[in-house]
Amino acid sequence: MNVILIGYRASGKTSVGRRVAELLGYPFHDTDEIVMKAAGKTIRDIVDEGGWPLFREMEKGAIASISGKDGCVVALGGGAVLDEENIKQVNENSLFIWLKADAETVVNRMRKDGNNGAQRPPLTGGGTWKEVAELLRSREEVYRKNANFIVDTAGRSIEESCKEIVRRLRKSEGGGQENGEAREPPGR
C-alpha cells in the first residue's frame, strides 16, 4: 500500500511525509522534488520560463514515474489533484491523506520557510493572503473528494501529525473506522 499525501502548499506534505516514511520504513517521494531534480531548476524557474502548463506537464511525468511503486509515501504537489489523470496514476493500492491547514497557518509557514519564495512562484496575481484563502476554498472539494481521511496539521507539530497518521493507518489496516473518518472516497 502507498500513502499519498495531498493538500495545499505548506500544509506539511514534505516534512510530515519524510517522517511518516521513516516511521513506516517506506521510501519517500516528493513530486515537486522529482520535477526540480529532473529539470535542474526550481519550480519558480520552470514557471518563469515555460509557465504553469509546463510545470504541470512535468509534474504529470513525475507522478507517472512513481505510479508503479508500492509500499511508499508520496507527497503530491498541491495542485496535482486538480488533474484526475494524476489521481488515477497513483490510485492503485493507495490511501490518500489530506493534510489540511487553514490560510493563516499556511501563510505563516510560507513566510517562515526561506526556500518557499525562491522555489515556488505565486499561483495567481493576488497577494499571498488573498491567494491562499481563495485557492484553499476552491480546492477544498477536490481534496475532500480524494481523501480517505483528513489530518489537520494546523497547531500540530510534525511529530504530532505523524503519530496521528500512523495511528489512523494502523486502524484502517485493521479494517476499523473512526466515526466514519476513514472511508473510500467517491469515484475510486
Protein backbone atom coordinates (compact mmCIF):
# COMPACT_ATOMS: atom_id res chain seq x y z
CA MET A 1 0.00 0.00 0.00
CA ASN A 2 1.13 3.55 -0.76
CA VAL A 3 0.41 6.55 1.42
CA ILE A 4 -0.36 9.57 -0.76
CA LEU A 5 -0.29 12.97 0.94
CA ILE A 6 -2.38 15.69 -0.65
CA GLY A 7 -3.04 19.26 0.37
CA TYR A 8 -2.11 22.86 -0.25
CA ARG A 9 1.50 24.08 -0.23
CA ALA A 10 2.92 24.46 3.28
CA SER A 11 0.37 22.05 4.72
CA GLY A 12 3.24 19.76 5.76
CA LYS A 13 3.31 17.16 2.98
CA THR A 14 7.09 17.04 2.63
CA SER A 15 8.07 17.40 6.31
CA VAL A 16 5.36 15.06 7.56
CA GLY A 17 5.82 12.71 4.61
CA ARG A 18 9.53 12.21 5.27
CA ARG A 19 8.87 11.39 8.93
CA VAL A 20 5.90 9.10 8.23
CA ALA A 21 8.06 7.23 5.72
CA GLU A 22 10.74 6.80 8.40
CA LEU A 23 8.19 5.53 10.92
CA LEU A 24 6.73 3.05 8.42
CA GLY A 25 10.09 2.04 6.93
CA TYR A 26 8.91 3.16 3.47
CA PRO A 27 10.77 5.14 0.82
CA PHE A 28 9.62 8.75 0.40
CA HIS A 29 8.93 10.53 -2.89
CA ASP A 30 8.03 14.19 -3.35
CA THR A 31 6.76 15.02 -6.84
CA ASP A 32 7.94 18.64 -6.60
CA GLU A 33 11.46 17.41 -5.77
CA ILE A 34 11.34 14.91 -8.65
CA VAL A 35 10.39 17.72 -11.06
CA MET A 36 13.13 20.05 -9.79
CA LYS A 37 15.77 17.33 -9.95
CA ALA A 38 14.79 16.33 -13.49
CA ALA A 39 14.77 19.95 -14.68
CA GLY A 40 17.80 21.05 -12.69
CA LYS A 41 15.78 24.13 -11.76
CA THR A 42 13.45 25.41 -9.08
CA ILE A 43 9.71 25.40 -9.66
CA ARG A 44 9.89 29.20 -9.88
CA ASP A 45 12.46 28.96 -12.72
CA ILE A 46 10.37 26.36 -14.57
CA VAL A 47 7.24 28.52 -14.31
CA ASP A 48 9.12 31.71 -15.20
CA GLU A 49 10.50 30.06 -18.35
CA GLY A 50 7.52 27.98 -19.50
CA GLY A 51 4.51 28.90 -17.37
CA TRP A 52 2.36 26.73 -15.15
CA PRO A 53 1.35 24.45 -18.06
CA LEU A 54 5.00 23.36 -18.46
CA PHE A 55 5.29 22.67 -14.74
CA ARG A 56 2.01 20.69 -14.70
CA GLU A 57 3.23 18.58 -17.63
CA MET A 58 6.49 17.87 -15.82
CA GLU A 59 4.54 17.09 -12.65
CA LYS A 60 2.44 14.58 -14.59
CA GLY A 61 5.66 12.89 -15.73
CA ALA A 62 6.95 12.77 -12.15
CA ILE A 63 3.72 11.16 -10.98
CA ALA A 64 3.88 8.62 -13.82
CA SER A 65 7.45 7.75 -12.78
CA ILE A 66 6.30 6.66 -9.32
CA SER A 67 2.94 5.19 -10.32
CA GLY A 68 4.12 1.59 -10.37
CA LYS A 69 5.74 1.72 -6.96
CA ASP A 70 4.27 0.04 -3.89
CA GLY A 71 4.96 0.50 -0.20
CA CYS A 72 5.99 4.15 -0.28
CA VAL A 73 4.93 7.57 0.97
CA VAL A 74 4.32 10.17 -1.75
CA ALA A 75 3.86 13.92 -1.33
CA LEU A 76 1.91 15.21 -4.32
CA GLY A 77 2.20 18.85 -5.33
CA GLY A 78 -0.67 20.98 -4.06
CA GLY A 79 -2.34 21.28 -7.46
CA ALA A 80 -1.66 17.72 -8.66
CA VAL A 81 -5.11 16.53 -7.57
CA LEU A 82 -6.76 19.03 -9.91
CA ASP A 83 -5.91 16.67 -12.80
CA GLU A 84 -7.86 13.41 -12.46
CA GLU A 85 -5.24 11.58 -14.55
CA ASN A 86 -2.72 12.20 -11.77
CA ILE A 87 -5.06 10.64 -9.22
CA LYS A 88 -5.66 7.63 -11.47
CA GLN A 89 -1.89 7.16 -11.89
CA VAL A 90 -1.30 6.64 -8.16
CA ASN A 91 -4.72 5.34 -7.12
CA GLU A 92 -3.87 1.65 -7.28
CA ASN A 93 -3.33 0.29 -3.77
CA SER A 94 -3.06 3.78 -2.25
CA LEU A 95 -4.53 5.56 0.71
CA PHE A 96 -4.96 9.33 0.26
CA ILE A 97 -4.47 11.57 3.29
CA TRP A 98 -5.39 15.24 3.06
CA LEU A 99 -3.08 17.32 5.21
CA LYS A 100 -5.29 20.27 5.93
CA ALA A 101 -4.24 23.67 7.25
CA ASP A 102 -6.10 26.97 7.41
CA ALA A 103 -4.99 30.05 5.45
CA GLU A 104 -3.35 31.72 8.46
CA THR A 105 -1.24 28.63 9.18
CA VAL A 106 -0.24 28.26 5.52
CA VAL A 107 0.77 31.92 5.16
CA ASN A 108 2.77 31.83 8.41
CA ARG A 109 4.59 28.66 7.32
CA MET A 110 5.32 30.13 3.90
CA ARG A 111 6.80 33.24 5.49
CA LYS A 112 8.98 31.16 7.83
CA ASP A 113 10.25 28.92 5.01
CA GLY A 114 13.17 30.75 3.42
CA ASN A 115 13.06 28.48 0.36
CA ASN A 116 9.36 28.91 -0.33
CA GLY A 117 9.56 32.20 -2.25
CA ALA A 118 12.69 31.19 -4.11
CA GLN A 119 11.27 27.87 -5.21
CA ARG A 120 7.55 28.50 -5.59
CA PRO A 121 6.07 31.38 -7.55
CA PRO A 122 2.60 32.77 -6.84
CA LEU A 123 -0.25 30.86 -8.44
CA THR A 124 -2.36 33.96 -9.06
CA GLY A 125 -1.77 37.69 -9.31
CA GLY A 126 -3.29 38.35 -5.87
CA GLY A 127 -1.35 38.95 -2.67
CA THR A 128 -0.22 35.97 -0.60
CA TRP A 129 -3.07 36.03 1.93
CA LYS A 130 -5.77 36.51 -0.73
CA GLU A 131 -4.27 33.84 -3.00
CA VAL A 132 -4.00 31.27 -0.23
CA ALA A 133 -7.54 31.87 1.07
CA GLU A 134 -9.07 31.72 -2.43
CA LEU A 135 -7.18 28.63 -3.53
CA LEU A 136 -7.83 26.77 -0.29
CA ARG A 137 -11.53 27.46 -0.75
CA SER A 138 -11.52 26.46 -4.42
CA ARG A 139 -9.55 23.23 -3.85
CA GLU A 140 -11.31 22.06 -0.69
CA GLU A 141 -13.90 19.98 -2.53
CA VAL A 142 -11.25 18.22 -4.65
CA TYR A 143 -9.07 17.46 -1.64
CA ARG A 144 -12.07 16.20 0.34
CA LYS A 145 -13.33 14.05 -2.57
CA ASN A 146 -9.99 12.28 -2.92
CA ALA A 147 -9.11 11.88 0.76
CA ASN A 148 -9.56 8.62 2.59
CA PHE A 149 -9.05 10.66 5.72
CA ILE A 150 -8.04 14.14 6.84
CA VAL A 151 -5.36 15.23 9.29
CA ASP A 152 -5.45 18.87 10.30
CA THR A 153 -1.82 19.97 10.69
CA ALA A 154 -2.60 23.48 11.98
CA GLY A 155 -1.42 23.85 15.57
CA ARG A 156 0.31 20.46 15.46
CA SER A 157 3.99 19.66 15.35
CA ILE A 158 5.35 17.43 12.61
CA GLU A 159 5.69 14.62 15.15
CA GLU A 160 2.08 15.01 16.37
CA SER A 161 0.79 14.93 12.79
CA CYS A 162 2.89 11.86 12.01
CA LYS A 163 1.69 9.97 15.06
CA GLU A 164 -1.92 10.73 14.10
CA ILE A 165 -1.32 9.47 10.55
CA VAL A 166 0.40 6.27 11.67
CA ARG A 167 -2.32 5.60 14.25
CA ARG A 168 -5.03 6.06 11.65
CA LEU A 169 -3.18 3.95 9.07
CA ARG A 170 -2.89 1.11 11.53
CA LYS A 171 -6.58 1.46 12.36
CA SER A 172 -7.53 1.39 8.65
CA GLU A 173 -5.30 -1.66 8.02
CA GLY A 174 -7.26 -3.43 10.72
CA GLY A 175 -10.49 -2.61 8.91
CA GLY A 176 -11.69 -0.25 11.62
CA GLN A 177 -13.13 3.18 11.03
CA GLU A 178 -13.23 6.09 13.41
CA ASN A 179 -16.55 7.87 13.27
CA GLY A 180 -16.62 7.45 9.51
CA GLU A 181 -13.37 9.40 9.08
CA ALA A 182 -11.52 6.69 7.16
CA ARG A 183 -13.56 5.95 4.09
CA GLU A 184 -13.40 5.07 0.45
CA PRO A 185 -13.75 8.33 -1.47
CA PRO A 186 -16.42 8.54 -4.14
CA GLY A 187 -15.35 7.65 -7.64
CA ARG A 188 -12.47 5.35 -6.74
